[in-house]
Amino acid sequence: MNVSVVVPTRDRPAALRRCLDALAAQHDELEIVVVDDGSRDRAALSEAIDASGARARVVRGPGRGPATARNLGWRAAAGDVVCFTDDDCTPAPGWATRLAEAAAASSLAAGRTLPEPGAAAAVLASQAITEHLQLSSLDASTGRLRFAPSSSLAATRDALADLPFDESFPSAAGEDRDFAARAWAAGHGALYVPEAVVVHRPELGARGFIRQQYRYGRGAVRFRAAGAGREPPAMAWYAGLVRRGFADGATVGALVLAAQAAVASGAFVEWLRRG
């Protein structure tokens, strides 16, 4: 089985180098495709790739967001199975093998994303929201997910040909939810592989977290407008989310609560924009 990994990036050379170093330690046969999604400093990007231990190939993108970048990456890749991660993630040893083997057997697979030890409260809050969204979507009877974040995702080429990322999503906000929803509707819910771990290391403070959640609110409107059966979750889901946040401490819980206001604001602005 030939395995490729696609890593979209834009102006985060130090983070990209950490990611590539971790990928280089996976195994010798791994093809790595870095998609430069419109970096302003291409020299810094090239230096980071050259300084890493990875033999990565670069594909230049038009800067139209991660959905477009991922499509460019998997179409340029040679692997029978394509794994996706983000430039601010560090895959653990064995990540690509575990994820690719599961995807080869089931069309689509998703791993687990964890914050690094000692991460800031904003990072913990962001990860708590993503983890709650992912694990609450798990069908215990099949082990498949209705939602799988793109930080730890793998798919066969055939599945990607049938279900490319929707390039109408302009930023990292809702495009992975849309991909997962379409995959579930097509009978390709991602098989959950918790042993396939990446560590997420975003540079995220409280202000950046609120801006992120505002952007997610705008993306949520696009997500719900893009297909049927995408109604907002019940109030019990939000209650579980708040409990999940406070499980990591009062500050994290308060940020998770504040995030809901930011998401609502972003959704309202997007709704107004759409008329």
Protein backbone atom coordinates (compact mmCIF):
# COMPACT_ATOMS: atom_id res chain seq x y z
CA MET A 1 0.00 0.00 0.00
CA ASN A 2 1.38 3.39 -1.03
CA VAL A 3 0.64 6.12 1.52
CA SER A 4 0.79 9.88 1.04
CA VAL A 5 0.38 12.67 3.59
CA VAL A 6 -0.94 16.08 2.58
CA VAL A 7 -0.10 19.11 4.72
CA PRO A 8 -1.63 22.48 3.78
CA THR A 9 0.38 25.43 5.11
CA ARG A 10 0.47 29.20 5.00
CA ASP A 11 3.13 31.37 6.68
CA ARG A 12 3.87 29.05 9.60
CA PRO A 13 7.36 27.78 8.74
CA ALA A 14 8.43 26.88 12.30
CA ALA A 15 5.28 24.86 12.91
CA LEU A 16 5.60 23.21 9.50
CA ARG A 17 9.14 22.10 10.24
CA ARG A 18 8.02 20.39 13.48
CA CYS A 19 5.27 18.63 11.56
CA LEU A 20 7.62 17.49 8.81
CA ASP A 21 10.23 16.24 11.28
CA ALA A 22 7.54 14.09 12.90
CA LEU A 23 6.37 12.79 9.53
CA ALA A 24 9.92 11.95 8.49
CA ALA A 25 10.13 9.63 11.50
CA GLN A 26 7.00 7.67 10.47
CA HIS A 27 8.44 5.31 7.84
CA ASP A 28 10.66 5.48 4.74
CA GLU A 29 7.97 4.90 2.12
CA LEU A 30 5.75 7.79 3.13
CA GLU A 31 5.18 10.41 0.43
CA ILE A 32 4.79 13.92 1.86
CA VAL A 33 3.05 16.65 -0.13
CA VAL A 34 3.14 20.18 1.28
CA VAL A 35 0.57 22.51 -0.24
CA ASP A 36 1.65 26.14 0.03
CA ASP A 37 -1.69 27.91 0.33
CA GLY A 38 -0.45 31.36 -0.70
CA SER A 39 2.39 31.97 1.77
CA ARG A 40 3.74 35.50 1.67
CA ASP A 41 7.28 34.35 2.53
CA ARG A 42 8.04 31.45 0.24
CA ALA A 43 11.75 31.60 1.12
CA ALA A 44 10.98 30.88 4.79
CA LEU A 45 8.74 28.00 3.74
CA SER A 46 11.47 26.50 1.55
CA GLU A 47 14.04 26.89 4.33
CA ALA A 48 11.78 25.10 6.79
CA ILE A 49 11.28 22.19 4.40
CA ASP A 50 14.99 21.96 3.58
CA ALA A 51 15.93 22.06 7.27
CA SER A 52 13.48 19.31 8.18
CA GLY A 53 14.21 15.62 7.98
CA ALA A 54 11.47 15.09 5.41
CA ARG A 55 11.70 14.66 1.68
CA ALA A 56 8.62 16.71 0.92
CA ARG A 57 7.27 17.82 -2.42
CA VAL A 58 5.72 21.29 -2.63
CA VAL A 59 2.54 22.11 -4.54
CA ARG A 60 1.73 25.80 -4.94
CA GLY A 61 -1.86 26.81 -4.24
CA PRO A 62 -3.78 30.01 -5.02
CA GLY A 63 -4.44 30.92 -1.37
CA ARG A 64 -8.12 29.98 -1.50
CA GLY A 65 -8.24 28.13 1.81
CA PRO A 66 -7.65 24.63 3.17
CA ALA A 67 -10.42 22.88 1.22
CA THR A 68 -8.84 23.89 -2.09
CA ALA A 69 -5.36 23.13 -0.73
CA ARG A 70 -6.33 19.61 0.35
CA ASN A 71 -7.86 18.87 -3.04
CA LEU A 72 -4.70 20.07 -4.78
CA GLY A 73 -2.64 17.92 -2.45
CA TRP A 74 -4.44 14.62 -2.81
CA ARG A 75 -4.74 15.02 -6.58
CA ALA A 76 -0.98 15.57 -6.80
CA ALA A 77 -0.20 12.68 -4.45
CA ALA A 78 0.66 9.18 -5.64
CA GLY A 79 -0.65 7.20 -2.68
CA ASP A 80 -3.49 4.70 -2.74
CA VAL A 81 -4.43 6.17 0.65
CA VAL A 82 -4.00 9.84 1.51
CA CYS A 83 -3.61 11.07 5.09
CA PHE A 84 -4.27 14.67 6.04
CA THR A 85 -2.92 16.71 8.91
CA ASP A 86 -2.33 20.40 9.64
CA ASP A 87 0.97 22.24 9.73
CA ASP A 88 0.63 23.02 13.45
CA CYS A 89 0.18 19.33 14.31
CA THR A 90 2.84 16.78 15.25
CA PRO A 91 1.91 13.19 14.35
CA ALA A 92 2.91 10.58 16.91
CA PRO A 93 4.98 7.54 15.84
CA GLY A 94 2.89 5.09 13.86
CA TRP A 95 0.16 7.64 13.10
CA ALA A 96 0.25 7.30 9.32
CA THR A 97 0.40 3.49 9.32
CA ARG A 98 -2.49 3.06 11.75
CA LEU A 99 -4.67 5.58 9.95
CA ALA A 100 -3.85 4.36 6.44
CA GLU A 101 -4.52 0.71 7.29
CA ALA A 102 -7.93 1.61 8.71
CA ALA A 103 -8.78 3.78 5.71
CA ALA A 104 -7.73 1.06 3.26
CA ALA A 105 -10.20 -1.29 4.92
CA SER A 106 -13.06 1.18 5.35
CA SER A 107 -12.57 4.02 2.78
CA LEU A 108 -12.26 6.69 5.48
CA ALA A 109 -10.64 6.83 8.92
CA ALA A 110 -9.99 9.46 11.56
CA GLY A 111 -7.58 9.57 14.47
CA ARG A 112 -7.40 11.48 17.71
CA THR A 113 -6.07 15.02 18.17
CA LEU A 114 -4.65 16.03 21.55
CA PRO A 115 -3.28 19.30 22.93
CA GLU A 116 0.35 19.33 24.00
CA PRO A 117 1.09 19.05 27.74
CA GLY A 118 0.92 22.41 29.45
CA ALA A 119 -1.08 24.02 26.64
CA ALA A 120 -2.71 27.39 27.23
CA ALA A 121 -6.33 27.57 28.34
CA ALA A 122 -7.45 28.83 24.92
CA VAL A 123 -5.86 25.80 23.24
CA LEU A 124 -7.52 23.46 25.72
CA ALA A 125 -10.89 25.14 25.15
CA SER A 126 -10.57 24.87 21.37
CA GLN A 127 -9.61 21.22 21.62
CA ALA A 128 -12.43 20.50 24.08
CA ILE A 129 -14.97 21.81 21.57
CA THR A 130 -13.51 19.81 18.68
CA GLU A 131 -13.24 16.64 20.76
CA HIS A 132 -16.82 16.96 22.00
CA LEU A 133 -18.05 17.46 18.45
CA GLN A 134 -16.11 14.41 17.29
CA LEU A 135 -16.85 11.96 20.10
CA SER A 136 -20.52 12.88 20.38
CA SER A 137 -20.82 11.92 16.69
CA LEU A 138 -19.44 8.41 17.26
CA ASP A 139 -21.78 5.53 16.46
CA ALA A 140 -20.83 2.98 19.11
CA SER A 141 -22.28 0.07 17.14
CA THR A 142 -20.11 0.66 14.06
CA GLY A 143 -17.18 2.66 15.42
CA ARG A 144 -17.78 5.33 12.77
CA LEU A 145 -17.96 9.10 13.11
CA ARG A 146 -20.34 11.65 11.71
CA PHE A 147 -17.63 14.28 12.20
CA ALA A 148 -13.89 13.87 11.72
CA PRO A 149 -11.50 16.85 11.95
CA SER A 150 -9.02 17.15 9.11
CA SER A 151 -6.07 17.30 11.53
CA SER A 152 -6.05 13.49 11.63
CA LEU A 153 -7.88 12.05 8.64
CA ALA A 154 -7.24 9.47 5.93
CA ALA A 155 -9.16 8.38 2.84
CA THR A 156 -8.72 6.18 -0.19
CA ARG A 157 -8.30 7.86 -3.55
CA ASP A 158 -11.64 6.46 -4.68
CA ALA A 159 -13.41 8.01 -1.69
CA LEU A 160 -11.76 11.37 -2.33
CA ALA A 161 -12.66 11.24 -6.01
CA ASP A 162 -16.31 10.72 -5.01
CA LEU A 163 -16.19 13.21 -2.12
CA PRO A 164 -13.67 16.00 -2.72
CA PHE A 165 -13.53 18.87 -0.24
CA ASP A 166 -16.04 21.62 -1.06
CA GLU A 167 -13.93 24.54 -2.30
CA SER A 168 -16.75 27.04 -1.73
CA PHE A 169 -15.66 27.12 1.92
CA PRO A 170 -13.10 29.95 1.95
CA SER A 171 -11.38 29.32 5.28
CA ALA A 172 -10.78 26.74 7.98
CA ALA A 173 -14.35 26.90 9.24
CA GLY A 174 -16.90 24.23 8.43
CA GLU A 175 -15.20 22.62 5.46
CA ASP A 176 -14.24 19.49 7.41
CA ARG A 177 -17.74 19.25 8.91
CA ASP A 178 -19.17 19.43 5.39
CA PHE A 179 -16.79 16.71 4.15
CA ALA A 180 -17.69 14.43 7.05
CA ALA A 181 -21.44 15.03 6.63
CA ARG A 182 -21.33 14.18 2.93
CA ALA A 183 -19.22 11.11 3.65
CA TRP A 184 -21.70 9.91 6.28
CA ALA A 185 -24.62 10.45 3.92
CA ALA A 186 -22.79 8.39 1.28
CA GLY A 187 -22.18 5.53 3.71
CA HIS A 188 -18.52 6.39 4.31
CA GLY A 189 -18.52 7.53 7.92
CA ALA A 190 -14.94 7.67 9.16
CA LEU A 191 -13.76 4.70 11.21
CA TYR A 192 -12.46 6.04 14.53
CA VAL A 193 -8.86 5.06 15.27
CA PRO A 194 -7.98 6.61 18.66
CA GLU A 195 -4.50 5.05 18.56
CA ALA A 196 -3.62 7.29 15.59
CA VAL A 197 -2.66 10.45 17.46
CA VAL A 198 -1.51 13.90 16.47
CA VAL A 199 -0.57 16.60 18.97
CA HIS A 200 -2.02 20.00 18.11
CA ARG A 201 0.26 22.98 18.85
CA PRO A 202 -1.60 26.10 17.69
CA GLU A 203 -0.39 29.56 18.67
CA LEU A 204 -3.68 30.58 20.23
CA GLY A 205 -4.47 33.09 22.97
CA ALA A 206 -7.86 34.15 24.29
CA ARG A 207 -8.43 36.80 21.60
CA GLY A 208 -7.37 34.49 18.81
CA PHE A 209 -9.65 31.80 20.22
CA ILE A 210 -12.67 34.11 20.17
CA ARG A 211 -11.86 35.18 16.60
CA GLN A 212 -11.57 31.50 15.67
CA GLN A 213 -14.97 30.72 17.16
CA TYR A 214 -16.54 33.74 15.42
CA ARG A 215 -15.18 32.36 12.14
CA TYR A 216 -16.58 28.94 13.01
CA GLY A 217 -19.98 30.55 13.51
CA ARG A 218 -19.87 31.95 10.01
CA GLY A 219 -18.72 28.58 8.70
CA ALA A 220 -21.57 26.85 10.53
CA VAL A 221 -24.12 28.84 8.51
CA ARG A 222 -22.41 27.79 5.28
CA PHE A 223 -22.30 24.20 6.53
CA ARG A 224 -26.04 24.09 7.30
CA ALA A 225 -26.92 25.74 4.00
CA ALA A 226 -24.84 23.25 2.01
CA GLY A 227 -26.99 20.17 2.60
CA ALA A 228 -30.09 18.67 4.17
CA GLY A 229 -30.17 17.05 7.60
CA ARG A 230 -27.72 19.48 9.21
CA GLU A 231 -29.87 20.96 11.96
CA PRO A 232 -28.23 22.41 15.08
CA PRO A 233 -27.76 19.92 17.93
CA ALA A 234 -30.15 19.69 20.86
CA MET A 235 -29.62 21.69 24.06
CA ALA A 236 -28.34 18.53 25.77
CA TRP A 237 -25.39 18.57 23.37
CA TYR A 238 -24.47 22.11 24.46
CA ALA A 239 -24.84 21.14 28.12
CA GLY A 240 -22.40 18.29 27.52
CA LEU A 241 -20.01 20.68 25.80
CA VAL A 242 -20.00 23.04 28.78
CA ARG A 243 -19.39 20.14 31.16
CA ARG A 244 -16.53 19.00 28.94
CA GLY A 245 -14.98 22.47 29.10
CA PHE A 246 -15.21 22.80 32.88
CA ALA A 247 -13.68 19.34 33.25
CA ASP A 248 -10.41 21.05 32.23
CA GLY A 249 -10.81 23.84 34.78
CA ALA A 250 -12.77 27.02 35.40
CA THR A 251 -10.84 29.14 32.89
CA VAL A 252 -11.27 26.60 30.10
CA GLY A 253 -14.96 26.25 30.94
CA ALA A 254 -15.45 30.01 30.87
CA LEU A 255 -13.76 30.19 27.47
CA VAL A 256 -16.01 27.44 26.13
CA LEU A 257 -19.02 29.44 27.31
CA ALA A 258 -17.64 32.63 25.71
CA ALA A 259 -17.08 30.70 22.51
CA GLN A 260 -20.80 30.05 22.17
CA ALA A 261 -21.47 33.79 22.11
CA ALA A 262 -18.74 34.25 19.50
CA VAL A 263 -20.17 31.45 17.36
CA ALA A 264 -23.64 32.98 17.61
CA SER A 265 -22.28 36.39 16.58
CA GLY A 266 -20.47 34.93 13.58
CA ALA A 267 -23.56 33.00 12.54
CA PHE A 268 -25.71 36.14 12.79
CA VAL A 269 -23.30 38.16 10.65
CA GLU A 270 -23.17 35.41 8.02
CA TRP A 271 -26.94 35.12 8.05
CA LEU A 272 -27.25 38.88 7.46
CA ARG A 273 -24.69 38.73 4.66
CA ARG A 274 -26.73 36.06 2.92
CA GLY A 275 -29.88 38.14 3.21
